[in-house]
Amino acid sequence: MKKNILIIVCNLLVLNNVFCQKFAYVDSDYILSKMPEFSQAQSKIDEISKEWQKEIEARYAEVDQMYKKYQEEKILLTNEMQIKREEAIIKKETEVNSLQQKYFGPEGSLNLKRQELITPIQDKIYDAIQQLASKSKYQIIFDSSSELIMLYKNNNLDKSDKVLQILGY
């Protein structure tokens, strides 16, 4: 009998803790859209990307030009000269591919620049969310713009504007 009462009391305590938890959510895309420094960082990344894309396209145009010239002169060239030209074209194309990977690859310069410019902004948002959570005693704060599927969200629980307020926006 005492064992049953103890189990019931423990279950009630656990249920009480579950029902007393405070939840909220934020929309990090909304928060980022309200931060001018994010827009500036994104613009800078876009500019750099466009410059590098132009450079890559120009180099591919050079490779294309080399190939067209080779095709025009191919019948006049000896086998040895043809092989040298083909190797030069392949080498040039490989260089352009390497440069493209250097700029746009998974560990490329653009990705590093994005991390350099965007990560500090994301860290500020994370710190503000932590401040909000500790100040308002939230156990869990979700991000409604992430992969998490939110089937329903009560707008009263959206604390995005409070995070912006903490950030000074």
Protein backbone atom coordinates (compact mmCIF):
# COMPACT_ATOMS: atom_id res chain seq x y z
CA MET A 1 0.00 0.00 0.00
CA LYS A 2 2.77 2.43 0.94
CA LYS A 3 4.60 1.44 -2.23
CA ASN A 4 1.54 2.32 -4.37
CA ILE A 5 1.14 5.69 -2.65
CA LEU A 6 4.83 6.43 -3.22
CA ILE A 7 4.50 5.54 -6.92
CA ILE A 8 1.42 7.78 -7.27
CA VAL A 9 3.18 10.70 -5.56
CA CYS A 10 6.24 10.27 -7.80
CA ASN A 11 4.06 10.15 -10.92
CA LEU A 12 2.25 13.31 -9.83
CA LEU A 13 5.55 15.11 -9.31
CA VAL A 14 6.78 14.08 -12.75
CA LEU A 15 3.49 15.15 -14.36
CA ASN A 16 3.64 18.44 -12.49
CA ASN A 17 7.13 19.11 -13.87
CA VAL A 18 6.01 18.26 -17.40
CA PHE A 19 2.98 20.53 -17.29
CA CYS A 20 4.84 23.40 -15.63
CA GLN A 21 7.50 23.67 -18.31
CA LYS A 22 7.44 26.88 -20.31
CA PHE A 23 7.83 26.72 -24.06
CA ALA A 24 8.35 29.44 -26.65
CA TYR A 25 9.55 29.76 -30.20
CA VAL A 26 11.41 32.27 -32.31
CA ASP A 27 11.71 32.75 -36.04
CA SER A 28 15.41 33.18 -36.74
CA ASP A 29 14.77 34.15 -40.38
CA TYR A 30 12.50 36.97 -39.19
CA ILE A 31 15.10 38.07 -36.65
CA LEU A 32 17.87 38.04 -39.27
CA SER A 33 15.72 40.02 -41.69
CA LYS A 34 15.40 42.79 -39.09
CA MET A 35 19.16 43.02 -38.51
CA PRO A 36 20.94 45.47 -40.86
CA GLU A 37 24.31 43.84 -40.18
CA PHE A 38 22.98 40.57 -41.58
CA SER A 39 21.79 42.30 -44.76
CA GLN A 40 25.20 43.95 -45.12
CA ALA A 41 27.02 40.65 -44.60
CA GLN A 42 24.74 38.90 -47.10
CA SER A 43 25.31 41.68 -49.66
CA LYS A 44 29.07 41.40 -49.22
CA ILE A 45 28.91 37.63 -49.69
CA ASP A 46 26.78 38.10 -52.83
CA GLU A 47 29.28 40.62 -54.26
CA ILE A 48 32.22 38.32 -53.64
CA SER A 49 30.32 35.40 -55.16
CA LYS A 50 29.50 37.40 -58.30
CA GLU A 51 33.14 38.50 -58.71
CA TRP A 52 34.42 34.97 -58.38
CA GLN A 53 31.71 33.64 -60.71
CA LYS A 54 32.75 36.18 -63.38
CA GLU A 55 36.36 35.09 -62.99
CA ILE A 56 35.42 31.41 -63.37
CA GLU A 57 33.26 32.14 -66.42
CA ALA A 58 36.08 34.14 -68.03
CA ARG A 59 38.51 31.27 -67.51
CA TYR A 60 36.04 28.75 -68.93
CA ALA A 61 35.66 31.06 -71.93
CA GLU A 62 39.46 30.90 -72.37
CA VAL A 63 39.32 27.10 -72.31
CA ASP A 64 36.48 27.16 -74.84
CA GLN A 65 38.48 29.53 -77.06
CA MET A 66 41.53 27.26 -76.85
CA TYR A 67 39.39 24.27 -77.83
CA LYS A 68 37.79 26.06 -80.79
CA LYS A 69 41.19 27.22 -82.04
CA TYR A 70 42.49 23.67 -81.66
CA GLN A 71 39.54 22.29 -83.64
CA GLU A 72 40.20 24.80 -86.47
CA GLU A 73 43.92 23.99 -86.65
CA LYS A 74 43.73 20.28 -85.84
CA ILE A 75 44.13 19.05 -89.41
CA LEU A 76 47.28 21.15 -89.87
CA LEU A 77 48.96 19.84 -86.72
CA THR A 78 51.13 16.77 -86.34
CA ASN A 79 50.08 14.04 -83.88
CA GLU A 80 52.65 15.26 -81.41
CA MET A 81 51.40 18.86 -81.64
CA GLN A 82 47.79 17.68 -81.30
CA ILE A 83 48.64 15.81 -78.11
CA LYS A 84 50.44 18.86 -76.68
CA ARG A 85 47.46 21.12 -77.46
CA GLU A 86 45.00 18.62 -75.97
CA GLU A 87 47.11 18.35 -72.83
CA ALA A 88 47.28 22.15 -72.56
CA ILE A 89 43.49 22.40 -72.88
CA ILE A 90 42.94 19.66 -70.30
CA LYS A 91 45.46 21.29 -67.94
CA LYS A 92 43.77 24.68 -68.28
CA GLU A 93 40.33 23.15 -67.69
CA THR A 94 41.62 21.29 -64.62
CA GLU A 95 43.02 24.56 -63.25
CA VAL A 96 39.66 26.25 -63.71
CA ASN A 97 37.87 23.35 -62.00
CA SER A 98 40.33 23.55 -59.10
CA LEU A 99 39.79 27.29 -58.80
CA GLN A 100 36.03 26.77 -58.83
CA GLN A 101 36.35 24.25 -55.99
CA LYS A 102 38.67 26.61 -54.12
CA TYR A 103 36.05 29.37 -54.28
CA PHE A 104 32.74 27.49 -54.18
CA GLY A 105 33.52 24.02 -52.80
CA PRO A 106 32.28 22.76 -49.42
CA GLU A 107 35.47 24.00 -47.74
CA GLY A 108 35.95 26.85 -50.20
CA SER A 109 36.63 30.51 -49.69
CA LEU A 110 32.99 31.51 -50.04
CA ASN A 111 31.94 29.14 -47.29
CA LEU A 112 34.75 30.42 -45.05
CA LYS A 113 33.74 34.03 -45.76
CA ARG A 114 30.12 33.19 -44.95
CA GLN A 115 31.20 31.68 -41.64
CA GLU A 116 33.39 34.69 -40.90
CA LEU A 117 30.58 37.18 -41.53
CA ILE A 118 27.42 35.29 -40.49
CA THR A 119 28.55 33.21 -37.51
CA PRO A 120 29.09 36.21 -35.19
CA ILE A 121 25.57 37.42 -35.99
CA GLN A 122 24.11 33.98 -35.29
CA ASP A 123 26.08 33.86 -32.05
CA LYS A 124 24.55 37.19 -30.98
CA ILE A 125 21.08 35.82 -31.66
CA TYR A 126 21.86 32.63 -29.75
CA ASP A 127 23.13 34.66 -26.77
CA ALA A 128 19.98 36.81 -26.83
CA ILE A 129 17.81 33.67 -26.90
CA GLN A 130 19.74 32.29 -23.94
CA GLN A 131 19.20 35.55 -22.05
CA LEU A 132 15.49 35.42 -22.81
CA ALA A 133 15.27 31.78 -21.74
CA SER A 134 17.03 32.34 -18.43
CA LYS A 135 15.22 35.62 -17.69
CA SER A 136 11.75 34.24 -18.47
CA LYS A 137 12.53 30.70 -17.29
CA TYR A 138 11.77 28.93 -20.56
CA GLN A 139 12.85 25.30 -20.62
CA ILE A 140 12.63 24.99 -24.39
CA ILE A 141 12.69 27.55 -27.21
CA PHE A 142 12.09 26.26 -30.71
CA ASP A 143 13.09 27.88 -34.00
CA SER A 144 10.08 27.92 -36.31
CA SER A 145 12.20 28.63 -39.39
CA SER A 146 14.32 25.49 -39.03
CA GLU A 147 13.73 21.91 -40.13
CA LEU A 148 11.58 21.32 -37.06
CA ILE A 149 7.99 20.76 -38.12
CA MET A 150 5.57 22.84 -36.12
CA LEU A 151 2.05 21.70 -36.85
CA TYR A 152 0.57 24.46 -34.74
CA LYS A 153 2.02 27.53 -33.15
CA ASN A 154 0.34 30.00 -30.88
CA ASN A 155 1.46 33.52 -31.77
CA ASN A 156 1.51 34.40 -28.07
CA LEU A 157 4.47 32.06 -27.70
CA ASP A 158 6.48 33.78 -30.49
CA LYS A 159 9.32 35.61 -28.77
CA SER A 160 11.14 36.80 -31.90
CA ASP A 161 10.42 40.47 -31.14
CA LYS A 162 11.72 40.04 -27.59
CA VAL A 163 14.97 38.64 -28.97
CA LEU A 164 15.23 41.63 -31.31
CA GLN A 165 14.59 43.88 -28.33
CA ILE A 166 17.42 42.23 -26.39
CA LEU A 167 19.67 42.71 -29.43
CA GLY A 168 18.73 46.41 -29.52
CA TYR A 169 16.57 46.42 -32.65
